[in-house]
């Protein structure tokens, strides 16, 4: 069985001590590729270095994360934009709106998000959207910029049934499912049943959100299989079918 991790940050310092071992473990487990979303200007070099080490396996995305939007956002966004002409990217991400930690820069977050949505249209690339306590704001920006021109994934989907219904009305958007679906008190399993598996891609968000039985530990791409097993239980199908269909969804979405 083969599967793609559509959202992982294995270039971050949490993996400095054993990154090669983590990637080899992923490959041995059946992970055939990793999509690597950028965070901000500080993560550019480690992201590029990893992609250069593993061409054909590590696929970069470029974007400015909403929690990195601050008073210097304009200069940071310009620096991120310059990167778009320097190599091949497979998506615009990680972008979005996050109102969980702080609402001080909501106006700036929306401005940055919408500018990056426009990049995705211009470059015909999918977007990886980070949404936390901000589904109404994110939907508003998508409709404002052009819902019929955009495609992508709602990374780490954590919305309500109504939010899922709204996503499904956006015909070119998928749901990103990760380790949080394995948590005992998660309501996502019930909500996910309302979505077609053809709209689902799997991700780890490593080093964050490790699935059961690794919850509380550093997450890594090989653990994606625990999420896949949970998805198989939810849809009452085989693990093989989950792997085959979500891999197809990922390769199609990111044009790999």
Protein backbone atom coordinates (compact mmCIF):
# COMPACT_ATOMS: atom_id res chain seq x y z
CA UNK A 1 0.00 0.00 0.00
CA UNK A 2 1.13 3.52 -0.82
CA UNK A 3 0.02 6.86 0.59
CA UNK A 4 0.92 10.58 0.45
CA UNK A 5 1.39 12.90 3.43
CA UNK A 6 -0.16 16.09 2.06
CA UNK A 7 0.95 18.37 4.90
CA UNK A 8 4.10 17.94 6.98
CA UNK A 9 6.80 20.19 8.43
CA UNK A 10 9.70 17.74 8.77
CA UNK A 11 12.12 20.54 7.86
CA UNK A 12 11.53 22.17 11.28
CA UNK A 13 14.10 22.05 14.09
CA UNK A 14 12.13 19.37 15.95
CA UNK A 15 13.62 16.91 13.43
CA UNK A 16 17.20 18.19 13.34
CA UNK A 17 18.54 15.28 15.38
CA UNK A 18 17.06 12.43 13.33
CA UNK A 19 15.49 13.83 10.15
CA UNK A 20 17.05 11.24 7.82
CA UNK A 21 15.86 8.40 10.02
CA UNK A 22 12.33 9.84 10.13
CA UNK A 23 12.20 10.12 6.34
CA UNK A 24 13.57 6.62 5.83
CA UNK A 25 10.95 5.27 8.24
CA UNK A 26 8.27 7.07 6.24
CA UNK A 27 9.48 5.59 2.96
CA UNK A 28 9.70 2.09 4.43
CA UNK A 29 6.14 2.40 5.75
CA UNK A 30 4.78 3.17 2.28
CA UNK A 31 4.78 6.97 2.21
CA UNK A 32 5.47 7.89 -1.44
CA UNK A 33 5.62 11.65 -1.09
CA UNK A 34 5.37 14.60 1.30
CA UNK A 35 3.91 18.03 0.66
CA UNK A 36 5.87 20.64 2.62
CA UNK A 37 4.08 23.92 3.32
CA UNK A 38 6.20 26.91 4.27
CA UNK A 39 5.60 28.90 7.47
CA UNK A 40 7.40 32.25 7.13
CA UNK A 41 10.70 33.83 6.07
CA UNK A 42 12.65 31.93 8.74
CA UNK A 43 11.70 28.52 7.32
CA UNK A 44 12.65 29.13 3.67
CA UNK A 45 16.19 27.74 3.80
CA UNK A 46 15.46 24.54 5.74
CA UNK A 47 12.45 23.88 3.50
CA UNK A 48 14.51 24.26 0.33
CA UNK A 49 17.40 22.20 1.69
CA UNK A 50 15.12 19.26 2.43
CA UNK A 51 13.44 19.42 -0.96
CA UNK A 52 16.86 19.47 -2.66
CA UNK A 53 17.89 16.38 -0.68
CA UNK A 54 14.77 14.42 -1.65
CA UNK A 55 13.64 15.46 -5.15
CA UNK A 56 10.61 13.53 -6.30
CA UNK A 57 9.63 12.80 -2.71
CA UNK A 58 9.56 16.17 -0.92
CA UNK A 59 7.36 18.71 -2.72
CA UNK A 60 7.47 22.35 -1.55
CA UNK A 61 4.63 24.82 -1.11
CA UNK A 62 5.14 28.52 -0.60
CA UNK A 63 3.20 30.86 1.64
CA UNK A 64 3.04 32.97 4.79
CA UNK A 65 1.28 31.35 7.75
CA UNK A 66 -1.45 33.49 9.38
CA UNK A 67 0.10 33.31 12.85
CA UNK A 68 3.29 34.83 11.36
CA UNK A 69 1.40 37.93 10.20
CA UNK A 70 2.45 40.90 12.34
CA UNK A 71 3.39 44.55 11.95
CA UNK A 72 6.09 43.65 9.42
CA UNK A 73 3.74 41.58 7.27
CA UNK A 74 4.15 43.65 4.09
CA UNK A 75 7.91 43.13 3.82
CA UNK A 76 7.61 39.46 4.77
CA UNK A 77 4.95 38.89 2.15
CA UNK A 78 7.13 40.49 -0.52
CA UNK A 79 10.02 38.22 0.39
CA UNK A 80 7.77 35.17 0.20
CA UNK A 81 6.41 36.29 -3.18
CA UNK A 82 9.95 36.59 -4.60
CA UNK A 83 10.44 32.89 -3.93
CA UNK A 84 7.68 31.92 -6.34
CA UNK A 85 9.90 32.47 -9.38
CA UNK A 86 12.95 30.64 -8.00
CA UNK A 87 11.80 27.00 -8.16
CA UNK A 88 8.82 24.78 -8.86
CA UNK A 89 6.12 24.78 -6.21
CA UNK A 90 3.16 22.46 -5.85
CA UNK A 91 0.86 24.72 -3.86
CA UNK A 92 0.41 28.04 -2.07
CA UNK A 93 0.56 27.36 1.63
CA UNK A 94 0.32 27.37 4.45
CA UNK A 95 -2.06 30.32 4.31
CA UNK A 96 -5.30 31.30 5.99
CA UNK A 97 -6.77 33.04 9.02
CA UNK A 98 -6.21 32.10 12.68
CA UNK A 99 -8.24 33.87 15.37
CA UNK A 100 -7.60 31.33 18.12
CA UNK A 101 -4.50 32.93 19.62
CA UNK A 102 -4.94 36.59 18.78
CA UNK A 103 -7.34 38.80 16.82
CA UNK A 104 -5.06 41.84 16.80
CA UNK A 105 -4.05 41.38 13.16
CA UNK A 106 -7.35 40.17 11.68
CA UNK A 107 -7.40 42.91 9.04
CA UNK A 108 -3.80 42.17 8.06
CA UNK A 109 -4.42 38.40 8.06
CA UNK A 110 -7.31 38.83 5.64
CA UNK A 111 -5.22 41.06 3.39
CA UNK A 112 -2.33 38.57 3.35
CA UNK A 113 -4.67 35.61 2.82
CA UNK A 114 -6.47 37.21 -0.09
CA UNK A 115 -3.23 38.27 -1.77
CA UNK A 116 -1.96 34.70 -1.58
CA UNK A 117 -5.26 33.39 -2.93
CA UNK A 118 -4.66 35.63 -5.93
CA UNK A 119 -1.19 34.12 -6.35
CA UNK A 120 -2.77 30.68 -6.53
CA UNK A 121 -5.07 31.80 -9.31
CA UNK A 122 -2.26 33.45 -11.25
CA UNK A 123 0.00 30.41 -10.91
CA UNK A 124 -2.79 27.82 -11.17
CA UNK A 125 -1.70 26.19 -7.92
CA UNK A 126 -3.84 24.69 -5.14
CA UNK A 127 -3.96 26.36 -1.73
CA UNK A 128 -3.41 24.77 1.67
CA UNK A 129 -5.69 26.69 4.03
CA UNK A 130 -5.17 26.97 7.79
CA UNK A 131 -8.48 27.88 9.46
CA UNK A 132 -8.84 28.20 13.21
CA UNK A 133 -11.85 29.92 14.76
CA UNK A 134 -12.21 31.67 11.40
CA UNK A 135 -14.38 29.69 8.99
CA UNK A 136 -16.75 32.62 8.25
CA UNK A 137 -13.82 34.92 7.52
CA UNK A 138 -12.08 32.35 5.31
CA UNK A 139 -15.23 31.59 3.33
CA UNK A 140 -15.80 35.32 2.87
CA UNK A 141 -12.31 35.79 1.42
CA UNK A 142 -12.65 32.78 -0.90
CA UNK A 143 -15.90 34.11 -2.33
CA UNK A 144 -14.44 37.60 -2.59
CA UNK A 145 -11.34 36.49 -4.54
CA UNK A 146 -13.09 33.93 -6.72
CA UNK A 147 -14.44 30.59 -5.49
CA UNK A 148 -14.72 29.17 -9.02
CA UNK A 149 -11.08 29.98 -9.77
CA UNK A 150 -9.61 28.48 -6.61
CA UNK A 151 -8.86 24.91 -5.59
CA UNK A 152 -7.15 23.40 -2.61
CA UNK A 153 -7.53 21.79 0.77
CA UNK A 154 -8.84 22.86 4.15
CA UNK A 155 -5.81 21.60 6.08
CA UNK A 156 -6.51 20.03 9.48
CA UNK A 157 -10.26 20.43 9.03
CA UNK A 158 -11.85 21.10 12.40
CA UNK A 159 -15.13 22.72 11.43
CA UNK A 160 -18.75 21.92 12.13
CA UNK A 161 -21.17 19.99 9.94
CA UNK A 162 -22.31 23.34 8.53
CA UNK A 163 -18.72 24.27 7.73
CA UNK A 164 -18.26 20.94 5.95
CA UNK A 165 -21.40 21.57 3.93
CA UNK A 166 -20.03 24.96 2.90
CA UNK A 167 -16.71 23.39 1.88
CA UNK A 168 -18.53 20.81 -0.21
CA UNK A 169 -20.28 23.60 -2.07
CA UNK A 170 -16.80 24.71 -3.15
CA UNK A 171 -16.45 22.06 -5.82
CA UNK A 172 -12.64 22.15 -6.06
CA UNK A 173 -11.76 21.92 -2.37
CA UNK A 174 -10.80 18.88 -0.30
CA UNK A 175 -10.77 18.13 3.41
CA UNK A 176 -7.40 17.49 5.09
CA UNK A 177 -7.68 14.80 7.78
CA UNK A 178 -4.92 14.13 10.30
CA UNK A 179 -4.25 12.54 13.67
CA UNK A 180 -6.87 14.59 15.51
CA UNK A 181 -9.56 12.31 14.05
CA UNK A 182 -8.24 9.48 16.23
CA UNK A 183 -8.76 11.38 19.50
CA UNK A 184 -11.39 9.95 21.83
CA UNK A 185 -13.42 13.15 22.22
CA UNK A 186 -13.17 14.28 18.60
CA UNK A 187 -16.50 15.00 16.88
CA UNK A 188 -14.80 14.98 13.49
CA UNK A 189 -15.44 11.29 12.81
CA UNK A 190 -19.20 11.81 12.85
CA UNK A 191 -18.92 14.93 10.69
CA UNK A 192 -16.56 13.31 8.19
CA UNK A 193 -19.12 10.63 7.33
CA UNK A 194 -21.08 13.36 5.54
CA UNK A 195 -18.21 13.93 3.10
CA UNK A 196 -17.37 11.80 0.10
CA UNK A 197 -14.01 10.04 0.44
CA UNK A 198 -13.23 11.50 -2.98
CA UNK A 199 -12.94 14.87 -1.22
CA UNK A 200 -10.51 13.66 1.48
CA UNK A 201 -6.72 13.81 1.61
CA UNK A 202 -4.58 12.57 4.50
CA UNK A 203 -1.90 14.53 6.34
CA UNK A 204 0.14 14.51 9.52
CA UNK A 205 0.98 18.18 10.20
CA UNK A 206 4.14 16.71 11.77
CA UNK A 207 5.57 17.44 14.29
CA UNK A 208 2.10 18.35 15.60
CA UNK A 209 -1.11 16.38 16.26
CA UNK A 210 0.27 12.88 16.55
CA UNK A 211 -2.46 10.25 16.27
CA UNK A 212 -3.36 7.66 18.89
CA UNK A 213 -1.37 5.68 20.07
CA UNK A 214 1.37 8.32 19.69
CA UNK A 215 -0.65 11.25 21.03
CA UNK A 216 1.50 13.59 23.10
CA UNK A 217 4.65 12.62 21.23
CA UNK A 218 6.31 14.23 18.22
CA UNK A 219 4.34 13.35 15.11
CA UNK A 220 6.04 12.04 11.96
CA UNK A 221 4.95 10.97 8.46
CA UNK A 222 5.05 7.20 9.15
CA UNK A 223 2.27 7.71 11.70
CA UNK A 224 -0.08 8.69 8.87
CA UNK A 225 -1.15 5.06 8.67
CA UNK A 226 -2.92 5.39 12.04
CA UNK A 227 -5.08 8.15 10.57
CA UNK A 228 -5.73 6.04 7.47
CA UNK A 229 -6.88 3.13 9.65
CA UNK A 230 -9.35 5.40 11.46
CA UNK A 231 -10.70 6.71 8.14
CA UNK A 232 -11.20 3.11 6.98
CA UNK A 233 -13.29 2.43 10.11
CA UNK A 234 -15.35 5.58 9.59
CA UNK A 235 -16.21 4.72 5.98
CA UNK A 236 -16.41 0.98 6.67
CA UNK A 237 -14.02 0.11 3.87
CA UNK A 238 -10.59 -1.52 3.69
CA UNK A 239 -7.35 0.25 4.51
CA UNK A 240 -6.21 -0.61 0.97
CA UNK A 241 -9.11 1.33 -0.53
CA UNK A 242 -8.50 4.33 1.73
CA UNK A 243 -4.84 4.39 0.70
CA UNK A 244 -5.63 4.04 -3.00
CA UNK A 245 -8.37 6.69 -3.11
CA UNK A 246 -6.73 9.31 -0.89
CA UNK A 247 -3.44 8.90 -2.74
CA UNK A 248 -5.26 9.49 -6.03
CA UNK A 249 -6.95 12.59 -4.54
CA UNK A 250 -3.57 13.95 -3.38
CA UNK A 251 -1.75 13.37 -6.66
CA UNK A 252 -4.58 14.98 -8.59
CA UNK A 253 -4.93 18.00 -6.30
CA UNK A 254 -1.21 18.79 -6.26
CA UNK A 255 -0.57 17.75 -9.88
CA UNK A 256 2.19 15.29 -8.98
